[in-house]
Amino acid sequence: MDASSQYNPPTGPARASVTTITLSHRHLPGTIVIAVGGEVDLAVSGRLADYVHGVRRPGDHVVFDLTRLLFLDCSGLRVLIASARQAAADDAVVLLAGAHGVPARLLHIVRMHSLLPMVGTVEQALTALPITACPGTR
């Protein structure tokens, strides 16, 4: 039998898939910082999207603090892209801060930096944001 056609089913107990996510935010003048921790996959990406929609004020710039993000899949990428599109419709921007490990590799592979600027820290992101005279006027 050709080795490429062999199938060996997994042995032992299957690992239960438990996805954990932590979300928090803080409002600053004209900006919201959304901290995302844990794992963002198909099981929780809707929760992230709902959270962003619920806490972002129209016209706010968004900084995603990803320093505690351990895993990100394509469904999580879709949430980030949708957030960027919504922000652009309000003449605002989205920045990603602190991505590392697996999420940073994925963001790099899909060239997310061409759509969403990525910086090392939240402080760098806040410094990089456009300055506005009054929140909501851009």
Protein backbone atom coordinates (compact mmCIF):
# COMPACT_ATOMS: atom_id res chain seq x y z
CA MET A 1 0.00 0.00 0.00
CA ASP A 2 1.29 3.46 -0.87
CA ALA A 3 2.22 5.43 2.28
CA SER A 4 0.40 8.52 1.03
CA SER A 5 -2.91 6.67 0.96
CA GLN A 6 -2.73 5.31 4.50
CA TYR A 7 -5.03 6.74 7.13
CA ASN A 8 -4.35 6.26 10.80
CA PRO A 9 -7.21 7.49 12.95
CA PRO A 10 -6.24 9.39 16.09
CA THR A 11 -5.90 7.29 19.21
CA GLY A 12 -6.62 8.17 22.81
CA PRO A 13 -9.22 10.52 24.20
CA ALA A 14 -10.14 13.45 22.01
CA ARG A 15 -9.18 16.85 23.37
CA ALA A 16 -12.28 18.80 24.29
CA SER A 17 -12.41 22.08 22.45
CA VAL A 18 -12.90 24.82 24.99
CA THR A 19 -12.42 28.32 23.69
CA THR A 20 -11.88 31.11 26.16
CA ILE A 21 -11.94 34.79 25.40
CA THR A 22 -11.62 37.82 27.62
CA LEU A 23 -12.80 41.24 26.53
CA SER A 24 -12.51 44.64 28.14
CA HIS A 25 -12.42 48.22 26.95
CA ARG A 26 -11.70 51.78 27.96
CA HIS A 27 -12.95 54.92 26.36
CA LEU A 28 -10.58 57.79 25.73
CA PRO A 29 -11.49 61.02 23.95
CA GLY A 30 -12.29 59.98 20.38
CA THR A 31 -10.84 56.50 20.86
CA ILE A 32 -11.72 53.14 22.33
CA VAL A 33 -9.11 50.60 23.39
CA ILE A 34 -10.48 47.05 23.23
CA ALA A 35 -8.37 44.40 24.96
CA VAL A 36 -8.81 40.90 23.54
CA GLY A 37 -7.35 37.95 25.40
CA GLY A 38 -7.43 34.19 25.08
CA GLU A 39 -8.46 32.51 21.85
CA VAL A 40 -10.60 33.92 19.06
CA ASP A 41 -11.99 31.25 16.78
CA LEU A 42 -15.31 30.46 15.12
CA ALA A 43 -16.87 29.56 18.47
CA VAL A 44 -16.37 33.07 19.92
CA SER A 45 -15.80 35.42 16.99
CA GLY A 46 -19.48 36.41 17.03
CA ARG A 47 -19.11 37.38 20.67
CA LEU A 48 -16.15 39.59 19.76
CA ALA A 49 -18.10 41.21 16.91
CA ASP A 50 -21.07 41.89 19.19
CA TYR A 51 -18.78 43.33 21.85
CA VAL A 52 -17.07 45.71 19.43
CA HIS A 53 -20.42 46.79 18.03
CA GLY A 54 -21.78 47.37 21.53
CA VAL A 55 -18.92 49.43 22.95
CA ARG A 56 -17.67 51.46 19.99
CA ARG A 57 -19.16 54.91 19.60
CA PRO A 58 -19.62 56.25 16.06
CA GLY A 59 -16.51 58.16 15.00
CA ASP A 60 -14.24 56.55 17.59
CA HIS A 61 -10.85 55.30 16.50
CA VAL A 62 -10.26 51.72 17.67
CA VAL A 63 -7.12 50.25 19.16
CA PHE A 64 -7.23 46.48 19.57
CA ASP A 65 -4.88 45.51 22.42
CA LEU A 66 -3.80 42.00 21.44
CA THR A 67 -1.05 41.52 24.03
CA ARG A 68 -3.02 38.72 25.73
CA LEU A 69 -4.32 37.12 22.55
CA LEU A 70 -3.08 33.53 22.25
CA PHE A 71 -4.87 32.35 19.11
CA LEU A 72 -6.66 33.93 16.16
CA ASP A 73 -8.31 32.24 13.19
CA CYS A 74 -9.92 33.54 10.00
CA SER A 75 -13.24 34.23 11.73
CA GLY A 76 -11.40 36.56 14.10
CA LEU A 77 -9.69 38.20 11.14
CA ARG A 78 -13.12 38.87 9.64
CA VAL A 79 -14.14 40.71 12.82
CA LEU A 80 -11.01 42.89 12.66
CA ILE A 81 -11.63 43.65 8.99
CA ALA A 82 -15.31 44.45 9.60
CA SER A 83 -14.25 46.78 12.43
CA ALA A 84 -11.84 48.54 10.09
CA ARG A 85 -14.53 48.98 7.45
CA GLN A 86 -16.99 50.38 9.97
CA ALA A 87 -14.37 52.75 11.35
CA ALA A 88 -13.46 53.91 7.83
CA ALA A 89 -17.13 54.67 7.17
CA ASP A 90 -16.93 57.01 10.20
CA ASP A 91 -13.60 58.54 9.06
CA ALA A 92 -11.84 56.72 11.89
CA VAL A 93 -9.04 54.18 11.95
CA VAL A 94 -8.32 50.82 13.58
CA LEU A 95 -4.87 49.90 14.87
CA LEU A 96 -3.65 46.56 16.20
CA ALA A 97 -1.27 46.66 19.16
CA GLY A 98 0.86 44.06 20.88
CA ALA A 99 0.23 41.04 18.63
CA HIS A 100 2.78 38.29 19.20
CA GLY A 101 3.21 34.55 18.76
CA VAL A 102 0.69 32.66 16.64
CA PRO A 103 -1.66 35.64 16.09
CA ALA A 104 1.24 37.84 14.93
CA ARG A 105 2.39 35.16 12.49
CA LEU A 106 -1.11 34.83 11.05
CA LEU A 107 -1.49 38.61 10.74
CA HIS A 108 1.87 38.74 8.97
CA ILE A 109 1.11 35.82 6.63
CA VAL A 110 -2.17 37.36 5.46
CA ARG A 111 -0.52 40.79 5.21
CA MET A 112 -3.02 42.34 7.58
CA HIS A 113 -0.67 45.30 8.03
CA SER A 114 -1.69 46.49 4.55
CA LEU A 115 -5.23 47.01 5.87
CA LEU A 116 -4.70 47.50 9.60
CA PRO A 117 -1.53 49.13 10.91
CA MET A 118 0.19 47.08 13.60
CA VAL A 119 2.34 48.51 16.36
CA GLY A 120 4.13 47.03 19.35
CA THR A 121 2.21 48.65 22.20
CA VAL A 122 -1.05 50.38 22.99
CA GLU A 123 0.90 53.55 23.80
CA GLN A 124 2.46 53.52 20.32
CA ALA A 125 -0.99 53.05 18.81
CA LEU A 126 -2.42 55.97 20.75
CA THR A 127 0.46 58.16 19.62
CA ALA A 128 -0.04 57.10 16.00
CA LEU A 129 -3.75 57.98 15.88
CA PRO A 130 -4.84 61.06 13.95
CA ILE A 131 -5.42 64.06 16.18
CA THR A 132 -8.87 65.60 16.05
CA ALA A 133 -10.08 68.87 17.55
CA CYS A 134 -13.24 67.29 18.94
CA PRO A 135 -14.31 63.67 19.08
CA GLY A 136 -16.72 62.98 16.26
CA THR A 137 -15.39 65.73 13.96
CA ARG A 138 -13.02 64.34 11.39
